[in-house]
Amino acid sequence: MIYLVYGISDCPSCLRACADLMDKGVEYVFINCDFSKTYRDKLKVKFNWSTFPIIIEAEHKEKSLIGGYVQLKEHLSNLGL
C-alpha cells in the first residue's frame, strides 16, 4: 500500500501529512501541484475534494480517497499507527 499526497510545497497541512506518514514509516509519494492552477482545479473535481492536501490510498490498481490532513490522521489512528 502507498499513499499519494497531492499537495502544495508551502502548505502547512500538506507538509504535516508527509511528516506524519514519514514518522509512521508508511510509504508515500508527494505530488507537487505548485505549478499549475488548472491541474489543481482538475484534481479537486476528479476527487471531489476542495482543499489540499488530497490524500489517496493506493493498492495495486485500487485507489481510494482518504481526504485531507484531518482525515489522514483519523485514518492512521484507525489503523493503529
C-alpha atoms as a PDB file:
ATOM      1  CA  MET A   1       0.000   0.000   0.000  1.00  0.00           C
ATOM      2  CA  ILE A   2       1.193   3.505  -0.810  1.00  0.00           C
ATOM      3  CA  TYR A   3      -0.285   6.918  -0.149  1.00  0.00           C
ATOM      4  CA  LEU A   4      -0.378   9.630  -2.777  1.00  0.00           C
ATOM      5  CA  VAL A   5      -0.231  13.126  -1.322  1.00  0.00           C
ATOM      6  CA  TYR A   6      -1.268  15.748  -3.850  1.00  0.00           C
ATOM      7  CA  GLY A   7      -0.039  18.942  -2.278  1.00  0.00           C
ATOM      8  CA  ILE A   8       1.500  22.365  -2.454  1.00  0.00           C
ATOM      9  CA  SER A   9       5.064  22.740  -1.209  1.00  0.00           C
ATOM     10  CA  ASP A  10       4.412  25.668   1.162  1.00  0.00           C
ATOM     11  CA  CYS A  11       1.114  24.321   2.534  1.00  0.00           C
ATOM     12  CA  PRO A  12       1.433  23.523   6.275  1.00  0.00           C
ATOM     13  CA  SER A  13      -1.194  20.765   6.137  1.00  0.00           C
ATOM     14  CA  CYS A  14       0.496  19.171   3.131  1.00  0.00           C
ATOM     15  CA  LEU A  15       3.853  19.181   4.893  1.00  0.00           C
ATOM     16  CA  ARG A  16       2.350  17.806   8.124  1.00  0.00           C
ATOM     17  CA  ALA A  17       0.697  14.979   6.174  1.00  0.00           C
ATOM     18  CA  CYS A  18       4.047  13.996   4.656  1.00  0.00           C
ATOM     19  CA  ALA A  19       5.797  14.278   8.027  1.00  0.00           C
ATOM     20  CA  ASP A  20       3.190  12.082   9.729  1.00  0.00           C
ATOM     21  CA  LEU A  21       3.457   9.425   7.034  1.00  0.00           C
ATOM     22  CA  MET A  22       7.255   9.554   7.248  1.00  0.00           C
ATOM     23  CA  ASP A  23       7.169   9.293  11.059  1.00  0.00           C
ATOM     24  CA  LYS A  24       4.890   6.243  10.838  1.00  0.00           C
ATOM     25  CA  GLY A  25       7.182   4.576   8.294  1.00  0.00           C
ATOM     26  CA  VAL A  26       4.402   4.500   5.725  1.00  0.00           C
ATOM     27  CA  GLU A  27       5.306   4.607   2.045  1.00  0.00           C
ATOM     28  CA  TYR A  28       4.079   7.730   0.277  1.00  0.00           C
ATOM     29  CA  VAL A  29       4.690   9.899  -2.757  1.00  0.00           C
ATOM     30  CA  PHE A  30       4.342  13.676  -2.673  1.00  0.00           C
ATOM     31  CA  ILE A  31       2.934  15.008  -5.929  1.00  0.00           C
ATOM     32  CA  ASN A  32       3.804  18.679  -6.159  1.00  0.00           C
ATOM     33  CA  CYS A  33       0.912  20.718  -7.552  1.00  0.00           C
ATOM     34  CA  ASP A  34       2.562  24.148  -7.223  1.00  0.00           C
ATOM     35  CA  PHE A  35       2.960  24.974 -10.857  1.00  0.00           C
ATOM     36  CA  SER A  36      -0.470  24.630 -12.410  1.00  0.00           C
ATOM     37  CA  LYS A  37      -3.690  26.058 -11.031  1.00  0.00           C
ATOM     38  CA  THR A  38      -5.539  24.278 -13.840  1.00  0.00           C
ATOM     39  CA  TYR A  39      -4.125  20.937 -12.687  1.00  0.00           C
ATOM     40  CA  ARG A  40      -5.089  21.681  -9.064  1.00  0.00           C
ATOM     41  CA  ASP A  41      -8.623  22.554 -10.162  1.00  0.00           C
ATOM     42  CA  LYS A  42      -8.881  19.304 -12.152  1.00  0.00           C
ATOM     43  CA  LEU A  43      -7.753  17.297  -9.130  1.00  0.00           C
ATOM     44  CA  LYS A  44     -10.374  18.959  -6.945  1.00  0.00           C
ATOM     45  CA  VAL A  45     -13.079  17.936  -9.405  1.00  0.00           C
ATOM     46  CA  LYS A  46     -11.677  14.434 -10.011  1.00  0.00           C
ATOM     47  CA  PHE A  47     -11.525  13.585  -6.315  1.00  0.00           C
ATOM     48  CA  ASN A  48     -14.455  15.779  -5.232  1.00  0.00           C
ATOM     49  CA  TRP A  49     -12.238  17.419  -2.598  1.00  0.00           C
ATOM     50  CA  SER A  50     -11.887  21.185  -2.350  1.00  0.00           C
ATOM     51  CA  THR A  51      -8.684  21.657  -0.331  1.00  0.00           C
ATOM     52  CA  PHE A  52      -5.094  20.453  -0.281  1.00  0.00           C
ATOM     53  CA  PRO A  53      -3.644  18.078   0.515  1.00  0.00           C
ATOM     54  CA  ILE A  54      -5.667  15.488  -1.320  1.00  0.00           C
ATOM     55  CA  ILE A  55      -4.587  12.124   0.036  1.00  0.00           C
ATOM     56  CA  ILE A  56      -5.219   8.878  -1.805  1.00  0.00           C
ATOM     57  CA  GLU A  57      -4.596   5.350  -0.602  1.00  0.00           C
ATOM     58  CA  ALA A  58      -3.417   3.144  -3.467  1.00  0.00           C
ATOM     59  CA  GLU A  59      -3.040  -0.605  -3.506  1.00  0.00           C
ATOM     60  CA  HIS A  60      -2.355  -2.256  -6.831  1.00  0.00           C
ATOM     61  CA  LYS A  61      -4.809  -0.608  -9.235  1.00  0.00           C
ATOM     62  CA  GLU A  62      -7.327   0.266  -6.496  1.00  0.00           C
ATOM     63  CA  LYS A  63      -7.337   3.858  -5.275  1.00  0.00           C
ATOM     64  CA  SER A  64      -9.499   5.396  -2.585  1.00  0.00           C
ATOM     65  CA  LEU A  65      -9.768   8.923  -1.280  1.00  0.00           C
ATOM     66  CA  ILE A  66      -8.692   9.405   2.318  1.00  0.00           C
ATOM     67  CA  GLY A  67      -9.367  13.158   2.241  1.00  0.00           C
ATOM     68  CA  GLY A  68      -7.213  15.889   3.711  1.00  0.00           C
ATOM     69  CA  TYR A  69      -4.847  16.088   6.661  1.00  0.00           C
ATOM     70  CA  VAL A  70      -7.510  15.689   9.363  1.00  0.00           C
ATOM     71  CA  GLN A  71      -8.920  12.618   7.647  1.00  0.00           C
ATOM     72  CA  LEU A  72      -5.417  11.163   7.248  1.00  0.00           C
ATOM     73  CA  LYS A  73      -4.759  11.471  10.991  1.00  0.00           C
ATOM     74  CA  GLU A  74      -8.028   9.680  11.718  1.00  0.00           C
ATOM     75  CA  HIS A  75      -7.292   7.017   9.106  1.00  0.00           C
ATOM     76  CA  LEU A  76      -3.822   6.312  10.522  1.00  0.00           C
ATOM     77  CA  SER A  77      -5.228   6.180  14.035  1.00  0.00           C
ATOM     78  CA  ASN A  78      -7.848   3.643  12.930  1.00  0.00           C
ATOM     79  CA  LEU A  79      -5.016   1.526  11.510  1.00  0.00           C
ATOM     80  CA  GLY A  80      -3.262   1.679  14.871  1.00  0.00           C
ATOM     81  CA  LEU A  81      -0.443   3.854  13.562  1.00  0.00           C
END
